[in-house]
Amino acid sequence: MDRVQALEEKTAHLMRAVEDLSDVVARQAREIEILQRRVQMLMEREAEREAMAGAAPEANVRPPHW
């Protein structure tokens, strides 16, 4: 019975580790969603600001050394 008990303990620890990792992954997925929305919002805000200034978007402007 000692061997079976050891295997059960290992299984319990592994199951706990899997649950903990699953929680971490779920939390990170939520954080990534929030960050993606914030980046999109900032990109839109910057595009609007550049449009209001009448300047060409900086991505389309050649650097001075060209």
Protein backbone atom coordinates (compact mmCIF):
# COMPACT_ATOMS: atom_id res chain seq x y z
CA MET A 1 0.00 0.00 0.00
CA ASP A 2 2.91 2.36 0.53
CA ARG A 3 3.60 2.60 -3.20
CA VAL A 4 -0.06 3.29 -4.02
CA GLN A 5 -0.22 6.00 -1.38
CA ALA A 6 2.94 7.63 -2.77
CA LEU A 7 1.43 7.63 -6.25
CA GLU A 8 -1.80 9.12 -4.94
CA GLU A 9 0.15 11.88 -3.19
CA LYS A 10 2.12 12.66 -6.35
CA THR A 11 -1.09 12.72 -8.35
CA ALA A 12 -2.69 15.10 -5.87
CA HIS A 13 0.32 17.44 -6.02
CA LEU A 14 0.34 17.36 -9.82
CA MET A 15 -3.37 18.07 -9.99
CA ARG A 16 -2.91 21.04 -7.65
CA ALA A 17 -0.04 22.34 -9.80
CA VAL A 18 -2.15 22.02 -12.95
CA GLU A 19 -5.02 23.94 -11.31
CA ASP A 20 -2.65 26.68 -10.14
CA LEU A 21 -1.13 26.99 -13.61
CA SER A 22 -4.58 27.07 -15.17
CA ASP A 23 -5.51 29.97 -12.89
CA VAL A 24 -2.34 31.82 -13.88
CA VAL A 25 -3.02 31.32 -17.59
CA ALA A 26 -6.62 32.52 -17.23
CA ARG A 27 -5.49 35.65 -15.35
CA GLN A 28 -2.83 36.39 -17.95
CA ALA A 29 -5.36 35.97 -20.77
CA ARG A 30 -7.62 38.57 -19.11
CA GLU A 31 -4.68 40.95 -18.65
CA ILE A 32 -3.63 40.51 -22.28
CA GLU A 33 -7.16 41.34 -23.46
CA ILE A 34 -7.17 44.52 -21.38
CA LEU A 35 -3.74 45.54 -22.65
CA GLN A 36 -4.73 44.88 -26.27
CA ARG A 37 -7.78 47.11 -25.88
CA ARG A 38 -5.66 49.85 -24.32
CA VAL A 39 -3.06 49.68 -27.09
CA GLN A 40 -5.81 49.83 -29.74
CA MET A 41 -7.37 52.82 -28.00
CA LEU A 42 -4.02 54.60 -27.81
CA MET A 43 -3.32 53.90 -31.48
CA GLU A 44 -6.70 55.29 -32.47
CA ARG A 45 -6.22 58.33 -30.24
CA GLU A 46 -2.79 59.01 -31.76
CA ALA A 47 -4.14 58.62 -35.30
CA GLU A 48 -6.90 61.11 -34.51
CA ARG A 49 -4.38 63.52 -33.01
CA GLU A 50 -2.18 63.32 -36.10
CA ALA A 51 -5.18 63.80 -38.37
CA MET A 52 -6.26 66.87 -36.41
CA ALA A 53 -2.75 68.32 -36.69
CA GLY A 54 -2.84 67.84 -40.45
CA ALA A 55 0.52 66.08 -40.40
CA ALA A 56 1.35 62.91 -42.21
CA PRO A 57 1.46 59.91 -39.90
CA GLU A 58 4.95 59.47 -38.56
CA ALA A 59 5.06 55.93 -39.85
CA ASN A 60 5.01 57.34 -43.39
CA VAL A 61 7.67 60.00 -42.84
CA ARG A 62 11.20 59.12 -43.93
CA PRO A 63 13.92 59.55 -41.33
CA PRO A 64 16.25 62.55 -41.92
CA HIS A 65 19.22 60.36 -42.82
CA TRP A 66 17.48 59.04 -45.99
